[in-house]
Protein backbone atom coordinates (compact mmCIF):
# COMPACT_ATOMS: atom_id res chain seq x y z
CA MET A 1 0.00 0.00 0.00
CA SER A 2 1.36 3.42 -0.95
CA ALA A 3 2.04 6.02 1.72
CA PRO A 4 -0.82 8.49 2.35
CA GLY A 5 -0.69 12.08 1.20
CA LYS A 6 -0.45 15.05 3.56
CA TYR A 7 -3.53 17.23 3.91
CA LEU A 8 -2.55 20.86 4.63
CA TYR A 9 -4.37 23.05 7.19
CA GLY A 10 -1.89 25.90 7.19
CA PHE A 11 1.48 27.15 8.38
CA ALA A 12 2.53 27.88 11.96
CA ASN A 13 5.58 28.64 14.04
CA GLY A 14 7.99 25.72 14.17
CA GLN A 15 7.60 25.42 17.94
CA PHE A 16 3.88 24.66 17.68
CA ARG A 17 2.80 21.19 18.79
CA PRO A 18 -0.79 20.13 17.99
CA ALA A 19 -2.62 18.43 20.82
CA GLU A 20 -2.70 14.65 20.47
CA VAL A 21 -6.49 14.67 20.64
CA LEU A 22 -6.81 17.01 17.64
CA LEU A 23 -8.18 15.03 14.71
CA GLY A 24 -8.65 16.23 11.16
CA LEU A 25 -10.21 14.84 8.01
CA THR A 26 -11.07 11.11 8.22
CA ASN A 27 -10.35 11.42 11.97
CA ALA A 28 -6.62 11.34 11.27
CA PRO A 29 -4.30 12.86 13.93
CA VAL A 30 -3.02 16.35 13.16
CA TYR A 31 0.74 16.93 13.37
CA ALA A 32 3.43 19.37 12.25
CA ILE A 33 6.15 18.99 9.63
CA ARG A 34 8.95 21.42 10.53
CA PHE A 35 11.63 23.28 8.65
CA GLN A 36 13.81 25.61 10.74
CA ASP A 37 11.36 27.81 12.71
CA VAL A 38 8.23 27.30 10.54
CA ALA A 39 5.93 24.31 10.21
CA ALA A 40 3.19 22.92 7.99
CA VAL A 41 0.22 21.58 9.97
CA VAL A 42 -1.06 18.42 8.28
CA SER A 43 -2.80 15.10 8.69
CA ASP A 44 -2.50 11.94 6.62
CA HIS A 45 -5.07 11.62 3.85
CA PRO A 46 -5.50 9.56 0.67
CA LEU A 47 -4.45 11.27 -2.55
CA GLU A 48 -7.86 12.13 -3.96
CA LYS A 49 -9.83 15.19 -4.98
CA LEU A 50 -11.99 16.39 -2.11
CA SER A 51 -15.62 17.43 -2.52
CA LEU A 52 -17.06 20.50 -0.81
CA LEU A 53 -19.11 18.39 1.57
CA ARG A 54 -19.81 19.03 5.24
CA ARG A 55 -17.90 15.93 6.30
CA ASN A 56 -14.79 17.44 4.72
CA LEU A 57 -15.30 21.14 5.39
CA GLU A 58 -16.20 20.77 9.07
CA PRO A 59 -12.94 19.12 10.21
CA HIS A 60 -10.89 21.47 7.98
CA HIS A 61 -12.31 24.58 9.65
CA ARG A 62 -12.46 23.02 13.12
CA VAL A 63 -8.76 22.19 13.06
CA ILE A 64 -7.89 25.71 11.86
CA ARG A 65 -10.04 27.28 14.60
CA GLU A 66 -8.52 25.10 17.33
CA ILE A 67 -4.96 25.79 16.23
CA SER A 68 -5.62 29.53 15.93
CA LYS A 69 -6.62 29.60 19.60
CA GLN A 70 -3.16 28.35 20.52
CA ALA A 71 -0.78 29.78 17.92
CA THR A 72 -0.45 32.11 14.95
CA LEU A 73 -1.63 30.25 11.86
CA ALA A 74 -1.68 31.20 8.20
CA PRO A 75 -4.69 29.08 7.16
CA ALA A 76 -4.62 27.13 3.91
CA THR A 77 -7.62 27.08 1.64
CA PHE A 78 -9.64 23.88 1.61
CA GLY A 79 -8.47 20.86 -0.34
CA HIS A 80 -4.65 20.94 -0.56
CA ILE A 81 -3.01 17.50 -0.44
CA SER A 82 0.73 16.96 -0.98
CA GLU A 83 1.97 13.58 -2.14
CA SER A 84 4.60 13.10 0.57
CA GLU A 85 6.31 14.63 3.57
CA GLU A 86 9.30 15.36 1.32
CA GLN A 87 7.13 17.55 -0.91
CA VAL A 88 5.79 19.43 2.12
CA LEU A 89 9.36 20.02 3.27
CA ALA A 90 10.25 21.27 -0.21
CA VAL A 91 7.39 23.79 -0.03
CA LEU A 92 8.59 24.96 3.40
CA ARG A 93 12.19 25.24 2.21
CA ASP A 94 11.44 27.02 -1.06
CA ASN A 95 9.00 29.47 0.55
CA TYR A 96 10.61 29.83 3.96
CA ALA A 97 11.08 33.61 3.93
CA GLU A 98 7.55 34.30 2.68
CA ILE A 99 5.92 31.91 5.18
CA ARG A 100 7.88 33.35 8.08
CA GLY A 101 7.05 36.91 7.01
CA GLU A 102 3.36 36.06 6.76
CA LEU A 103 3.35 34.54 10.26
CA GLU A 104 4.99 37.68 11.62
CA ARG A 105 2.41 39.88 9.88
CA LEU A 106 -0.52 37.84 11.22
CA ASP A 107 0.89 37.33 14.71
CA ALA A 108 -1.68 37.98 17.48
CA LYS A 109 -4.31 39.06 14.96
CA VAL A 110 -7.82 37.77 14.25
CA GLU A 111 -10.50 38.37 11.65
CA MET A 112 -13.89 39.94 12.33
CA GLY A 113 -16.73 39.70 9.83
CA VAL A 114 -19.06 42.69 9.41
CA LYS A 115 -22.18 42.74 7.26
CA LEU A 116 -24.31 45.84 6.76
CA LEU A 117 -27.67 45.27 5.07
CA TRP A 118 -30.69 47.22 3.93
CA ASP A 119 -33.44 45.98 6.27
CA VAL A 120 -36.33 46.71 3.90
CA ASP A 121 -39.00 44.60 2.21
CA ASN A 122 -38.31 45.74 -1.35
CA ILE A 123 -34.95 47.27 -2.15
CA PHE A 124 -36.08 48.74 -5.48
CA GLU A 125 -39.07 50.51 -3.91
CA PHE A 126 -36.85 51.73 -1.08
CA PHE A 127 -34.55 53.39 -3.60
CA VAL A 128 -37.50 54.78 -5.54
CA SER A 129 -38.80 56.46 -2.39
CA SER A 130 -35.55 58.36 -1.84
CA ASP A 131 -34.12 58.82 -5.35
CA ARG A 132 -36.01 61.32 -7.50
CA GLU A 133 -34.21 60.43 -10.72
CA LEU A 134 -34.94 56.72 -10.30
CA ARG A 135 -38.56 57.51 -9.47
CA ASN A 136 -38.92 59.69 -12.59
CA ARG A 137 -37.37 57.01 -14.77
CA ARG A 138 -39.67 54.35 -13.34
CA ASP A 139 -42.74 56.53 -13.89
CA ARG A 140 -41.75 57.29 -17.48
CA VAL A 141 -41.25 53.61 -18.25
CA PHE A 142 -44.27 52.13 -16.50
CA GLY A 143 -46.54 55.05 -17.31
CA LYS A 144 -46.66 53.79 -20.88
CA SER A 145 -49.19 51.33 -22.17
CA ARG A 146 -46.41 49.34 -23.78
CA VAL A 147 -42.92 48.93 -22.35
CA THR A 148 -40.04 47.62 -24.45
CA VAL A 149 -37.37 45.23 -23.22
CA GLU A 150 -34.74 47.91 -23.87
CA GLU A 151 -36.55 50.39 -21.60
CA LYS A 152 -36.72 47.82 -18.80
CA LEU A 153 -33.04 47.04 -19.20
CA GLU A 154 -32.11 50.73 -19.10
CA LEU A 155 -34.13 51.20 -15.91
CA GLY A 156 -32.52 48.14 -14.37
CA ALA A 157 -29.03 49.35 -15.34
CA TYR A 158 -29.65 52.72 -13.70
CA PHE A 159 -30.91 51.02 -10.54
CA ASP A 160 -27.81 48.79 -10.45
CA LYS A 161 -25.62 51.87 -10.86
CA ARG A 162 -27.31 53.65 -7.95
CA LEU A 163 -27.15 50.48 -5.85
CA LYS A 164 -23.39 50.26 -6.37
CA GLN A 165 -22.91 53.95 -5.64
CA GLU A 166 -24.76 53.65 -2.34
CA ARG A 167 -22.91 50.46 -1.43
CA ASP A 168 -19.61 52.25 -1.98
CA ARG A 169 -20.67 55.36 -0.05
CA LEU A 170 -22.23 53.60 2.94
CA GLY A 171 -19.64 50.82 3.02
CA ASN A 172 -16.82 53.38 3.13
CA GLN A 173 -18.64 55.17 5.92
CA MET A 174 -18.62 51.98 7.99
CA ILE A 175 -14.99 51.18 7.13
CA GLU A 176 -13.79 54.65 8.10
CA ALA A 177 -15.63 54.41 11.41
CA LEU A 178 -13.77 51.17 12.21
CA ARG A 179 -10.39 52.05 10.72
CA PRO A 180 -8.82 53.36 13.98
CA VAL A 181 -9.07 49.85 15.50
CA THR A 182 -8.37 47.89 12.31
CA CYS A 183 -5.10 46.68 10.77
CA GLU A 184 -6.44 45.72 7.34
CA VAL A 185 -9.81 45.57 5.57
CA ARG A 186 -11.06 43.35 2.79
CA VAL A 187 -14.37 44.01 1.05
CA ASN A 188 -15.89 40.84 -0.40
CA SER A 189 -18.61 40.69 -3.03
CA PRO A 190 -22.15 41.05 -1.67
CA THR A 191 -24.02 37.76 -1.41
CA ASP A 192 -27.45 39.38 -1.55
CA GLU A 193 -29.00 42.37 -3.33
CA LYS A 194 -29.79 43.94 0.04
CA MET A 195 -26.21 43.66 1.30
CA VAL A 196 -24.41 46.96 1.62
CA LEU A 197 -21.07 45.75 2.97
CA ASN A 198 -19.60 42.27 3.22
CA GLY A 199 -16.41 43.13 5.06
CA ALA A 200 -13.57 41.30 6.76
CA PHE A 201 -11.51 43.26 9.29
CA LEU A 202 -8.10 42.18 10.55
CA ILE A 203 -7.58 43.37 14.11
CA GLU A 204 -5.18 42.79 16.97
CA ARG A 205 -6.57 40.07 19.20
CA ALA A 206 -6.05 42.26 22.27
CA ARG A 207 -8.30 44.99 20.76
CA GLU A 208 -11.39 42.83 20.23
CA LYS A 209 -13.41 44.72 22.86
CA GLU A 210 -12.34 48.05 21.35
CA PHE A 211 -13.44 46.85 17.94
CA GLU A 212 -16.86 45.80 19.26
CA ALA A 213 -17.29 49.19 20.97
CA ALA A 214 -16.37 50.99 17.72
CA LEU A 215 -18.81 48.79 15.85
CA TYR A 216 -21.68 49.74 18.15
CA ARG A 217 -20.81 53.42 17.72
CA ALA A 218 -20.70 52.97 13.95
CA ALA A 219 -24.15 51.35 14.03
CA GLY A 220 -25.49 54.69 15.25
CA LEU A 221 -24.59 56.22 11.88
CA PHE A 222 -27.39 54.22 10.22
CA ASP A 223 -31.14 54.46 10.75
CA SER A 224 -33.77 51.73 11.14
CA ASN A 225 -33.63 50.92 7.41
CA PHE A 226 -30.35 49.12 8.04
CA ALA A 227 -29.29 46.02 9.96
CA LEU A 228 -25.81 45.18 11.18
CA ASP A 229 -24.43 41.68 11.69
CA TYR A 230 -20.96 40.78 12.86
CA SER A 231 -19.12 37.57 13.70
CA GLY A 232 -15.78 36.44 15.04
CA PRO A 233 -13.13 36.31 16.09
CA TRP A 234 -12.04 34.00 13.27
CA PRO A 235 -8.70 32.83 11.93
CA PRO A 236 -7.48 35.38 9.34
CA TYR A 237 -8.83 33.52 6.30
CA ASN A 238 -9.25 36.64 4.18
CA PHE A 239 -5.82 38.06 4.89
CA VAL A 240 -3.39 35.30 3.95
CA ARG A 241 -1.24 36.55 1.08
CA LEU A 242 0.95 33.52 0.42
CA SER A 243 1.78 32.71 -3.18
CA LEU A 244 3.78 29.53 -2.85
CA LYS A 245 6.45 28.38 -5.26
CA LEU A 246 6.23 24.63 -5.78
CA GLU A 247 9.08 22.36 -6.73
CA ALA A 248 6.77 20.34 -8.96
CA PRO A 249 3.79 22.56 -9.85
CA GLU A 250 1.79 19.74 -11.36
CA ALA A 251 2.05 17.49 -8.29
CA ALA A 252 3.46 19.14 -5.19
CA VAL A 253 0.18 20.40 -3.79
CA ARG A 254 -3.13 19.12 -5.07
CA GLY A 255 -6.31 21.07 -4.47
């Protein structure tokens, strides 16, 4: 039987020792492969393409969360499997300076998720009620007995433009309110038409209470037409900037 592959959870300081009870995918023990003062956190796993199923995703994120409570971790994205320990060591050796620099940058930091949403029944009608130009365009289009597809598309394009403008304006307002207690910000694509901001904020772990206080103050900038949701602290998923060089690009890390 061939040796199992090595499933990658991320990179940590070389002194980190996973707890013996920490199990990863397929309930395999999690351990560290070390090179100088950095380490790859892995577990044994068959060399196969992994599906985005709960039974795979849950242990991946659980292991990352548990490790992040104990040490600085640069999390790996889901699904990376190296063919051997030697290939993992090659990745650590060839990318040593970048991995170490990333661990220093992320040291003692966590990620907070912030979502600002329009808390309204109908987002189009909400914009119509406050945007005279959109209201006039709607009335001109639907005041006719016959509306062409082109006219509907033009109205929709104008609405999308105004939606983006307001997302940018209001999202920046929230970001600026939180910037004094934030190290870095990443704005992700909205997952819903009513979403104003889908933000990830990298903060110092010791300033979590300060961040929450700033968030509550920022909420006061928005009226009852908005809802605010936040989560965390999380491992810094959105802030890992590793671009690894692989000794054998076609085989060294599968994912």
